Amino acid sequence: AKLRREQLGYKFKRQYSVGPYVLDFYCPIKKFAIEIDGSQHLENKEYDKERTEYLSGFKIKVLRFWNNEINTNIDAVMEKIIFELKPSP
């Protein structure tokens, strides 16, 4: 909900496809993806690494959060996202 309606000044698309992968949230203008990981990702670290490497080939930066982080500390999650959205000097 915090990424909807350009509340952060950028449009995020949900379930956005890049090649064989579907990103949870993607901001095309910033080439910035947000992935929300559940417990299944504990066993899929190699898959996540390959996926991130593939996306970096398109110059897409990926920021990952655990479901638990979002549920228990959304303010810190939003701070990290806002930091990543700031223009580079």
PDB file of N, CA and C in Angstrom:
ATOM      1  N   ALA A   1       0.825  -1.197   0.000  1.00  0.00           N
ATOM      2  CA  ALA A   1       0.000   0.000   0.000  1.00  0.00           C
ATOM      3  C   ALA A   1       0.868   1.259   0.000  1.00  0.00           C
ATOM      4  N   LYS A   2       2.035   1.193   0.626  1.00  0.00           N
ATOM      5  CA  LYS A   2       2.901   2.374   0.724  1.00  0.00           C
ATOM      6  C   LYS A   2       3.564   2.727  -0.605  1.00  0.00           C
ATOM      7  N   LEU A   3       3.535   1.804  -1.571  1.00  0.00           N
ATOM      8  CA  LEU A   3       4.137   2.073  -2.882  1.00  0.00           C
ATOM      9  C   LEU A   3       3.102   2.495  -3.916  1.00  0.00           C
ATOM     10  N   ARG A   4       1.840   2.463  -3.561  1.00  0.00           N
ATOM     11  CA  ARG A   4       0.772   2.793  -4.506  1.00  0.00           C
ATOM     12  C   ARG A   4       0.666   4.289  -4.745  1.00  0.00           C
ATOM     13  N   ARG A   5       0.060   4.618  -5.885  1.00  0.00           N
ATOM     14  CA  ARG A   5      -0.296   5.992  -6.245  1.00  0.00           C
ATOM     15  C   ARG A   5       0.857   6.977  -6.131  1.00  0.00           C
ATOM     16  N   GLU A   6       2.053   6.519  -6.454  1.00  0.00           N
ATOM     17  CA  GLU A   6       3.238   7.375  -6.491  1.00  0.00           C
ATOM     18  C   GLU A   6       3.453   8.162  -5.195  1.00  0.00           C
ATOM     19  N   GLN A   7       3.138   7.541  -4.069  1.00  0.00           N
ATOM     20  CA  GLN A   7       3.304   8.215  -2.781  1.00  0.00           C
ATOM     21  C   GLN A   7       4.755   8.608  -2.515  1.00  0.00           C
ATOM     22  N   LEU A   8       5.690   7.892  -3.119  1.00  0.00           N
ATOM     23  CA  LEU A   8       7.110   8.196  -2.918  1.00  0.00           C
ATOM     24  C   LEU A   8       7.687   9.033  -4.056  1.00  0.00           C
ATOM     25  N   GLY A   9       6.818   9.461  -4.961  1.00  0.00           N
ATOM     26  CA  GLY A   9       7.269  10.275  -6.087  1.00  0.00           C
ATOM     27  C   GLY A   9       7.615   9.461  -7.319  1.00  0.00           C
ATOM     28  N   TYR A  10       7.477   8.159  -7.259  1.00  0.00           N
ATOM     29  CA  TYR A  10       7.781   7.273  -8.384  1.00  0.00           C
ATOM     30  C   TYR A  10       6.695   6.221  -8.512  1.00  0.00           C
ATOM     31  N   LYS A  11       6.450   5.808  -9.747  1.00  0.00           N
ATOM     32  CA  LYS A  11       5.461   4.764 -10.000  1.00  0.00           C
ATOM     33  C   LYS A  11       6.125   3.397  -9.877  1.00  0.00           C
ATOM     34  N   PHE A  12       5.507   2.522  -9.098  1.00  0.00           N
ATOM     35  CA  PHE A  12       5.948   1.140  -8.972  1.00  0.00           C
ATOM     36  C   PHE A  12       4.925   0.237  -9.642  1.00  0.00           C
ATOM     37  N   LYS A  13       5.431  -0.737 -10.383  1.00  0.00           N
ATOM     38  CA  LYS A  13       4.561  -1.743 -10.988  1.00  0.00           C
ATOM     39  C   LYS A  13       4.671  -3.011 -10.154  1.00  0.00           C
ATOM     40  N   ARG A  14       3.552  -3.684  -9.999  1.00  0.00           N
ATOM     41  CA  ARG A  14       3.525  -4.918  -9.219  1.00  0.00           C
ATOM     42  C   ARG A  14       3.550  -6.100 -10.164  1.00  0.00           C
ATOM     43  N   GLN A  15       4.280  -7.155  -9.782  1.00  0.00           N
ATOM     44  CA  GLN A  15       4.374  -8.380 -10.583  1.00  0.00           C
ATOM     45  C   GLN A  15       4.832  -8.055 -12.014  1.00  0.00           C
ATOM     46  N   TYR A  16       5.988  -7.423 -12.116  1.00  0.00           N
ATOM     47  CA  TYR A  16       6.546  -6.971 -13.390  1.00  0.00           C
ATOM     48  C   TYR A  16       7.525  -8.018 -13.921  1.00  0.00           C
ATOM     49  N   SER A  17       7.367  -8.420 -15.165  1.00  0.00           N
ATOM     50  CA  SER A  17       8.219  -9.458 -15.765  1.00  0.00           C
ATOM     51  C   SER A  17       9.474  -8.866 -16.387  1.00  0.00           C
ATOM     52  N   VAL A  18      10.600  -9.505 -16.091  1.00  0.00           N
ATOM     53  CA  VAL A  18      11.877  -9.198 -16.736  1.00  0.00           C
ATOM     54  C   VAL A  18      12.465 -10.546 -17.128  1.00  0.00           C
ATOM     55  N   GLY A  19      12.469 -10.843 -18.414  1.00  0.00           N
ATOM     56  CA  GLY A  19      12.934 -12.151 -18.863  1.00  0.00           C
ATOM     57  C   GLY A  19      12.106 -13.238 -18.195  1.00  0.00           C
ATOM     58  N   PRO A  20      12.777 -14.242 -17.641  1.00  0.00           N
ATOM     59  CA  PRO A  20      12.045 -15.354 -17.025  1.00  0.00           C
ATOM     60  C   PRO A  20      11.573 -15.072 -15.587  1.00  0.00           C
ATOM     61  N   TYR A  21      11.838 -13.874 -15.082  1.00  0.00           N
ATOM     62  CA  TYR A  21      11.551 -13.567 -13.682  1.00  0.00           C
ATOM     63  C   TYR A  21      10.396 -12.578 -13.541  1.00  0.00           C
ATOM     64  N   VAL A  22       9.684 -12.698 -12.441  1.00  0.00           N
ATOM     65  CA  VAL A  22       8.617 -11.757 -12.104  1.00  0.00           C
ATOM     66  C   VAL A  22       9.026 -11.051 -10.821  1.00  0.00           C
ATOM     67  N   LEU A  23       9.136  -9.730 -10.909  1.00  0.00           N
ATOM     68  CA  LEU A  23       9.540  -8.923  -9.760  1.00  0.00           C
ATOM     69  C   LEU A  23       8.314  -8.552  -8.936  1.00  0.00           C
ATOM     70  N   ASP A  24       8.462  -8.544  -7.624  1.00  0.00           N
ATOM     71  CA  ASP A  24       7.336  -8.173  -6.768  1.00  0.00           C
ATOM     72  C   ASP A  24       6.916  -6.734  -7.034  1.00  0.00           C
ATOM     73  N   PHE A  25       7.884  -5.818  -7.004  1.00  0.00           N
ATOM     74  CA  PHE A  25       7.625  -4.410  -7.296  1.00  0.00           C
ATOM     75  C   PHE A  25       8.780  -3.878  -8.130  1.00  0.00           C
ATOM     76  N   TYR A  26       8.455  -3.032  -9.113  1.00  0.00           N
ATOM     77  CA  TYR A  26       9.496  -2.502  -9.987  1.00  0.00           C
ATOM     78  C   TYR A  26       9.194  -1.059 -10.348  1.00  0.00           C
ATOM     79  N   CYS A  27      10.216  -0.217 -10.226  1.00  0.00           N
ATOM     80  CA  CYS A  27      10.132   1.184 -10.621  1.00  0.00           C
ATOM     81  C   CYS A  27      10.975   1.351 -11.882  1.00  0.00           C
ATOM     82  N   PRO A  28      10.333   1.418 -13.062  1.00  0.00           N
ATOM     83  CA  PRO A  28      11.086   1.495 -14.322  1.00  0.00           C
ATOM     84  C   PRO A  28      11.987   2.726 -14.433  1.00  0.00           C
ATOM     85  N   ILE A  29      11.527   3.868 -13.968  1.00  0.00           N
ATOM     86  CA  ILE A  29      12.307   5.107 -14.075  1.00  0.00           C
ATOM     87  C   ILE A  29      13.641   4.981 -13.348  1.00  0.00           C
ATOM     88  N   LYS A  30      13.636   4.339 -12.179  1.00  0.00           N
ATOM     89  CA  LYS A  30      14.850   4.195 -11.365  1.00  0.00           C
ATOM     90  C   LYS A  30      15.561   2.862 -11.586  1.00  0.00           C
ATOM     91  N   LYS A  31      14.943   1.958 -12.374  1.00  0.00           N
ATOM     92  CA  LYS A  31      15.494   0.611 -12.562  1.00  0.00           C
ATOM     93  C   LYS A  31      15.762  -0.028 -11.191  1.00  0.00           C
ATOM     94  N   PHE A  32      14.706  -0.068 -10.402  1.00  0.00           N
ATOM     95  CA  PHE A  32      14.796  -0.461  -9.001  1.00  0.00           C
ATOM     96  C   PHE A  32      13.705  -1.470  -8.686  1.00  0.00           C
ATOM     97  N   ALA A  33      14.113  -2.633  -8.199  1.00  0.00           N
ATOM     98  CA  ALA A  33      13.171  -3.703  -7.859  1.00  0.00           C
ATOM     99  C   ALA A  33      13.162  -3.930  -6.357  1.00  0.00           C
ATOM    100  N   ILE A  34      11.980  -4.241  -5.848  1.00  0.00           N
ATOM    101  CA  ILE A  34      11.822  -4.602  -4.448  1.00  0.00           C
ATOM    102  C   ILE A  34      11.256  -6.009  -4.416  1.00  0.00           C
ATOM    103  N   GLU A  35      11.958  -6.889  -3.732  1.00  0.00           N
ATOM    104  CA  GLU A  35      11.541  -8.281  -3.606  1.00  0.00           C
ATOM    105  C   GLU A  35      11.170  -8.559  -2.159  1.00  0.00           C
ATOM    106  N   ILE A  36      10.038  -9.221  -1.980  1.00  0.00           N
ATOM    107  CA  ILE A  36       9.556  -9.601  -0.658  1.00  0.00           C
ATOM    108  C   ILE A  36       9.733 -11.110  -0.539  1.00  0.00           C
ATOM    109  N   ASP A  37      10.590 -11.522   0.374  1.00  0.00           N
ATOM    110  CA  ASP A  37      10.949 -12.929   0.506  1.00  0.00           C
ATOM    111  C   ASP A  37      10.293 -13.586   1.712  1.00  0.00           C
ATOM    112  N   GLY A  38       9.752 -14.765   1.477  1.00  0.00           N
ATOM    113  CA  GLY A  38       9.223 -15.594   2.555  1.00  0.00           C
ATOM    114  C   GLY A  38      10.250 -16.634   2.946  1.00  0.00           C
ATOM    115  N   SER A  39       9.869 -17.541   3.809  1.00  0.00           N
ATOM    116  CA  SER A  39      10.800 -18.540   4.334  1.00  0.00           C
ATOM    117  C   SER A  39      11.346 -19.473   3.253  1.00  0.00           C
ATOM    118  N   GLN A  40      10.631 -19.648   2.136  1.00  0.00           N
ATOM    119  CA  GLN A  40      11.124 -20.516   1.068  1.00  0.00           C
ATOM    120  C   GLN A  40      12.458 -20.021   0.500  1.00  0.00           C
ATOM    121  N   HIS A  41      12.755 -18.747   0.681  1.00  0.00           N
ATOM    122  CA  HIS A  41      14.000 -18.197   0.148  1.00  0.00           C
ATOM    123  C   HIS A  41      15.219 -18.596   0.977  1.00  0.00           C
ATOM    124  N   LEU A  42      14.997 -19.101   2.167  1.00  0.00           N
ATOM    125  CA  LEU A  42      16.119 -19.592   2.974  1.00  0.00           C
ATOM    126  C   LEU A  42      16.825 -20.742   2.260  1.00  0.00           C
ATOM    127  N   GLU A  43      16.063 -21.532   1.525  1.00  0.00           N
ATOM    128  CA  GLU A  43      16.620 -22.689   0.824  1.00  0.00           C
ATOM    129  C   GLU A  43      16.980 -22.386  -0.623  1.00  0.00           C
ATOM    130  N   ASN A  44      16.647 -21.195  -1.105  1.00  0.00           N
ATOM    131  CA  ASN A  44      16.850 -20.854  -2.514  1.00  0.00           C
ATOM    132  C   ASN A  44      17.856 -19.729  -2.709  1.00  0.00           C
ATOM    133  N   LYS A  45      18.881 -19.679  -1.889  1.00  0.00           N
ATOM    134  CA  LYS A  45      19.853 -18.591  -1.967  1.00  0.00           C
ATOM    135  C   LYS A  45      20.560 -18.560  -3.322  1.00  0.00           C
ATOM    136  N   GLU A  46      20.872 -19.720  -3.873  1.00  0.00           N
ATOM    137  CA  GLU A  46      21.549 -19.765  -5.171  1.00  0.00           C
ATOM    138  C   GLU A  46      20.640 -19.223  -6.270  1.00  0.00           C
ATOM    139  N   TYR A  47      19.377 -19.577  -6.233  1.00  0.00           N
ATOM    140  CA  TYR A  47      18.402 -19.077  -7.205  1.00  0.00           C
ATOM    141  C   TYR A  47      18.298 -17.551  -7.096  1.00  0.00           C
ATOM    142  N   ASP A  48      18.216 -17.038  -5.874  1.00  0.00           N
ATOM    143  CA  ASP A  48      18.130 -15.593  -5.671  1.00  0.00           C
ATOM    144  C   ASP A  48      19.377 -14.893  -6.192  1.00  0.00           C
ATOM    145  N   LYS A  49      20.537 -15.503  -5.979  1.00  0.00           N
ATOM    146  CA  LYS A  49      21.795 -14.920  -6.454  1.00  0.00           C
ATOM    147  C   LYS A  49      21.805 -14.862  -7.983  1.00  0.00           C
ATOM    148  N   GLU A  50      21.414 -15.949  -8.637  1.00  0.00           N
ATOM    149  CA  GLU A  50      21.362 -15.975 -10.100  1.00  0.00           C
ATOM    150  C   GLU A  50      20.375 -14.937 -10.630  1.00  0.00           C
ATOM    151  N   ARG A  51      19.265 -14.843  -9.975  1.00  0.00           N
ATOM    152  CA  ARG A  51      18.226 -13.879 -10.370  1.00  0.00           C
ATOM    153  C   ARG A  51      18.746 -12.449 -10.264  1.00  0.00           C
ATOM    154  N   THR A  52      19.395 -12.134  -9.148  1.00  0.00           N
ATOM    155  CA  THR A  52      19.946 -10.790  -8.955  1.00  0.00           C
ATOM    156  C   THR A  52      21.023 -10.490  -9.992  1.00  0.00           C
ATOM    157  N   GLU A  53      21.857 -11.463 -10.297  1.00  0.00           N
ATOM    158  CA  GLU A  53      22.891 -11.272 -11.323  1.00  0.00           C
ATOM    159  C   GLU A  53      22.259 -11.025 -12.694  1.00  0.00           C
ATOM    160  N   TYR A  54      21.221 -11.769 -13.014  1.00  0.00           N
ATOM    161  CA  TYR A  54      20.515 -11.581 -14.284  1.00  0.00           C
ATOM    162  C   TYR A  54      19.965 -10.153 -14.368  1.00  0.00           C
ATOM    163  N   LEU A  55      19.324  -9.715 -13.308  1.00  0.00           N
ATOM    164  CA  LEU A  55      18.725  -8.386 -13.294  1.00  0.00           C
ATOM    165  C   LEU A  55      19.784  -7.288 -13.353  1.00  0.00           C
ATOM    166  N   SER A  56      20.931  -7.520 -12.725  1.00  0.00           N
ATOM    167  CA  SER A  56      21.999  -6.515 -12.777  1.00  0.00           C
ATOM    168  C   SER A  56      22.529  -6.349 -14.198  1.00  0.00           C
ATOM    169  N   GLY A  57      22.374  -7.376 -15.028  1.00  0.00           N
ATOM    170  CA  GLY A  57      22.732  -7.254 -16.437  1.00  0.00           C
ATOM    171  C   GLY A  57      21.879  -6.222 -17.154  1.00  0.00           C
ATOM    172  N   PHE A  58      20.703  -5.926 -16.616  1.00  0.00           N
ATOM    173  CA  PHE A  58      19.820  -4.887 -17.141  1.00  0.00           C
ATOM    174  C   PHE A  58      19.956  -3.604 -16.327  1.00  0.00           C
ATOM    175  N   LYS A  59      20.963  -3.576 -15.448  1.00  0.00           N
ATOM    176  CA  LYS A  59      21.218  -2.442 -14.560  1.00  0.00           C
ATOM    177  C   LYS A  59      20.046  -2.193 -13.597  1.00  0.00           C
ATOM    178  N   ILE A  60      19.391  -3.270 -13.192  1.00  0.00           N
ATOM    179  CA  ILE A  60      18.302  -3.190 -12.225  1.00  0.00           C
ATOM    180  C   ILE A  60      18.856  -3.503 -10.839  1.00  0.00           C
ATOM    181  N   LYS A  61      18.681  -2.561  -9.934  1.00  0.00           N
ATOM    182  CA  LYS A  61      19.101  -2.767  -8.549  1.00  0.00           C
ATOM    183  C   LYS A  61      17.971  -3.471  -7.805  1.00  0.00           C
ATOM    184  N   VAL A  62      18.326  -4.471  -7.007  1.00  0.00           N
ATOM    185  CA  VAL A  62      17.333  -5.241  -6.267  1.00  0.00           C
ATOM    186  C   VAL A  62      17.540  -5.028  -4.772  1.00  0.00           C
ATOM    187  N   LEU A  63      16.452  -4.708  -4.104  1.00  0.00           N
ATOM    188  CA  LEU A  63      16.459  -4.593  -2.651  1.00  0.00           C
ATOM    189  C   LEU A  63      15.497  -5.646  -2.122  1.00  0.00           C
ATOM    190  N   ARG A  64      15.982  -6.476  -1.202  1.00  0.00           N
ATOM    191  CA  ARG A  64      15.178  -7.587  -0.674  1.00  0.00           C
ATOM    192  C   ARG A  64      14.800  -7.345   0.779  1.00  0.00           C
ATOM    193  N   PHE A  65      13.577  -7.741   1.087  1.00  0.00           N
ATOM    194  CA  PHE A  65      13.087  -7.675   2.461  1.00  0.00           C
ATOM    195  C   PHE A  65      12.403  -8.989   2.786  1.00  0.00           C
ATOM    196  N   TRP A  66      12.493  -9.384   4.046  1.00  0.00           N
ATOM    197  CA  TRP A  66      11.764 -10.548   4.528  1.00  0.00           C
ATOM    198  C   TRP A  66      10.327 -10.128   4.839  1.00  0.00           C
ATOM    199  N   ASN A  67       9.389 -11.038   4.643  1.00  0.00           N
ATOM    200  CA  ASN A  67       7.994 -10.785   5.021  1.00  0.00           C
ATOM    201  C   ASN A  67       7.914 -10.262   6.446  1.00  0.00           C
ATOM    202  N   ASN A  68       8.671 -10.892   7.329  1.00  0.00           N
ATOM    203  CA  ASN A  68       8.661 -10.512   8.736  1.00  0.00           C
ATOM    204  C   ASN A  68       9.080  -9.053   8.942  1.00  0.00           C
ATOM    205  N   GLU A  69      10.076  -8.597   8.184  1.00  0.00           N
ATOM    206  CA  GLU A  69      10.510  -7.200   8.285  1.00  0.00           C
ATOM    207  C   GLU A  69       9.364  -6.252   7.960  1.00  0.00           C
ATOM    208  N   ILE A  70       8.640  -6.579   6.914  1.00  0.00           N
ATOM    209  CA  ILE A  70       7.537  -5.724   6.472  1.00  0.00           C
ATOM    210  C   ILE A  70       6.425  -5.723   7.516  1.00  0.00           C
ATOM    211  N   ASN A  71       6.152  -6.878   8.070  1.00  0.00           N
ATOM    212  CA  ASN A  71       5.070  -6.987   9.046  1.00  0.00           C
ATOM    213  C   ASN A  71       5.401  -6.346  10.392  1.00  0.00           C
ATOM    214  N   THR A  72       6.670  -6.346  10.767  1.00  0.00           N
ATOM    215  CA  THR A  72       7.024  -5.868  12.102  1.00  0.00           C
ATOM    216  C   THR A  72       7.725  -4.513  12.129  1.00  0.00           C
ATOM    217  N   ASN A  73       8.306  -4.083  10.997  1.00  0.00           N
ATOM    218  CA  ASN A  73       9.068  -2.829  11.010  1.00  0.00           C
ATOM    219  C   ASN A  73       8.963  -2.113   9.670  1.00  0.00           C
ATOM    220  N   ILE A  74       7.746  -1.816   9.247  1.00  0.00           N
ATOM    221  CA  ILE A  74       7.524  -1.189   7.946  1.00  0.00           C
ATOM    222  C   ILE A  74       8.213   0.173   7.841  1.00  0.00           C
ATOM    223  N   ASP A  75       8.349   0.888   8.954  1.00  0.00           N
ATOM    224  CA  ASP A  75       8.992   2.205   8.904  1.00  0.00           C
ATOM    225  C   ASP A  75      10.456   2.092   8.472  1.00  0.00           C
ATOM    226  N   ALA A  76      11.181   1.120   9.018  1.00  0.00           N
ATOM    227  CA  ALA A  76      12.581   0.926   8.632  1.00  0.00           C
ATOM    228  C   ALA A  76      12.680   0.471   7.175  1.00  0.00           C
ATOM    229  N   VAL A  77      11.757  -0.370   6.744  1.00  0.00           N
ATOM    230  CA  VAL A  77      11.723  -0.819   5.346  1.00  0.00           C
ATOM    231  C   VAL A  77      11.532   0.385   4.434  1.00  0.00           C
ATOM    232  N   MET A  78      10.581   1.245   4.777  1.00  0.00           N
ATOM    233  CA  MET A  78      10.313   2.421   3.947  1.00  0.00           C
ATOM    234  C   MET A  78      11.498   3.374   3.930  1.00  0.00           C
ATOM    235  N   GLU A  79      12.201   3.514   5.037  1.00  0.00           N
ATOM    236  CA  GLU A  79      13.399   4.360   5.069  1.00  0.00           C
ATOM    237  C   GLU A  79      14.447   3.854   4.085  1.00  0.00           C
ATOM    238  N   LYS A  80      14.649   2.542   4.044  1.00  0.00           N
ATOM    239  CA  LYS A  80      15.624   1.960   3.111  1.00  0.00           C
ATOM    240  C   LYS A  80      15.201   2.206   1.672  1.00  0.00           C
ATOM    241  N   ILE A  81      13.929   2.051   1.385  1.00  0.00           N
ATOM    242  CA  ILE A  81      13.424   2.266   0.026  1.00  0.00           C
ATOM    243  C   ILE A  81      13.587   3.730  -0.369  1.00  0.00           C
ATOM    244  N   ILE A  82      13.212   4.629   0.509  1.00  0.00           N
ATOM    245  CA  ILE A  82      13.336   6.063   0.224  1.00  0.00           C
ATOM    246  C   ILE A  82      14.797   6.429  -0.006  1.00  0.00           C
ATOM    247  N   PHE A  83      15.697   5.874   0.793  1.00  0.00           N
ATOM    248  CA  PHE A  83      17.129   6.131   0.611  1.00  0.00           C
ATOM    249  C   PHE A  83      17.581   5.712  -0.784  1.00  0.00           C
ATOM    250  N   GLU A  84      17.140   4.543  -1.234  1.00  0.00           N
ATOM    251  CA  GLU A  84      17.530   4.042  -2.556  1.00  0.00           C
ATOM    252  C   GLU A  84      16.944   4.869  -3.690  1.00  0.00           C
ATOM    253  N   LEU A  85      15.820   5.512  -3.449  1.00  0.00           N
ATOM    254  CA  LEU A  85      15.172   6.320  -4.485  1.00  0.00           C
ATOM    255  C   LEU A  85      15.786   7.712  -4.631  1.00  0.00           C
ATOM    256  N   LYS A  86      16.556   8.135  -3.642  1.00  0.00           N
ATOM    257  CA  LYS A  86      17.149   9.474  -3.716  1.00  0.00           C
ATOM    258  C   LYS A  86      18.075   9.564  -4.913  1.00  0.00           C
ATOM    259  N   PRO A  87      18.083  10.720  -5.567  1.00  0.00           N
ATOM    260  CA  PRO A  87      18.980  10.888  -6.714  1.00  0.00           C
ATOM    261  C   PRO A  87      20.449  10.759  -6.298  1.00  0.00           C
ATOM    262  N   SER A  88      21.228  10.166  -7.190  1.00  0.00           N
ATOM    263  CA  SER A  88      22.663  10.035  -6.946  1.00  0.00           C
ATOM    264  C   SER A  88      23.328  11.378  -7.202  1.00  0.00           C
ATOM    265  N   PRO A  89      24.354  11.708  -6.397  1.00  0.00           N
ATOM    266  CA  PRO A  89      25.038  13.007  -6.615  1.00  0.00           C
ATOM    267  C   PRO A  89      25.838  13.019  -7.905  1.00  0.00           C
TER     268      PRO A  89
END
